[in-house]
Amino acid sequence: MTDAQLIRVKRITVKKLFGIYDHTIELKLEDRVTIIHGPNGVGKTMMLKLMAALFSGRLHEFGRIPLQQFKVELTNGTSIAITATGTPKRDHSKSSAAQPLLQLIVTHEDGKPQKANLDLKLREGIDWGRRLQLELPWLERIDEDRWLDGRSGQIITTLQALTTFAD
């Protein structure tokens, strides 16, 4: 496969990261190296984490980071964006925080977008806690939504456990 046939990331854009920062990173395709620099706390590492989350399918990560839009443009003309479309009203009868409403938008070179709403909630009716306890003996349930990883000592949520140990 030649370089001309490879589909590569050419631009990464984020709008209102942490509610304030807008960034665009143009990748240096000819040099094959792009250096990202800037002051501490403006989102350099977070943009890399969001890229990793997008391309590994861990879309729930976008529900934890305040942002308006995260967009990746590819050399073949395709763009992939995660856009915040609002925040649902919180159900005060449940302990978990309201997840933002997010939409995945894939636009191919023909310019026609394909949209899908992202459901970041766990499916009702499945006893995920019981499944985790049976499949992952090193996890110890602390409360309704928190687990202690006996190997690392780290406390994680049910959603984090399910996405981390999904395989």
Foldseek 3Di string as FASTA:
>chain_A
DDLVPDKDWQKKWFACWQHDDTDMFGDPSVVNDDDDDDDPPRQPVVLVVVVVCVVVVVVLVVQVTDTAKIKIAIPQGKMKMKGFPAWDDDDVVDDDDTTTWIKIWIAGNVRDIDIDIDDNDDDPPDPLVVVCVVPPVQWDDDDDFWIQRNVPRDIDGSSCSCVVPVD
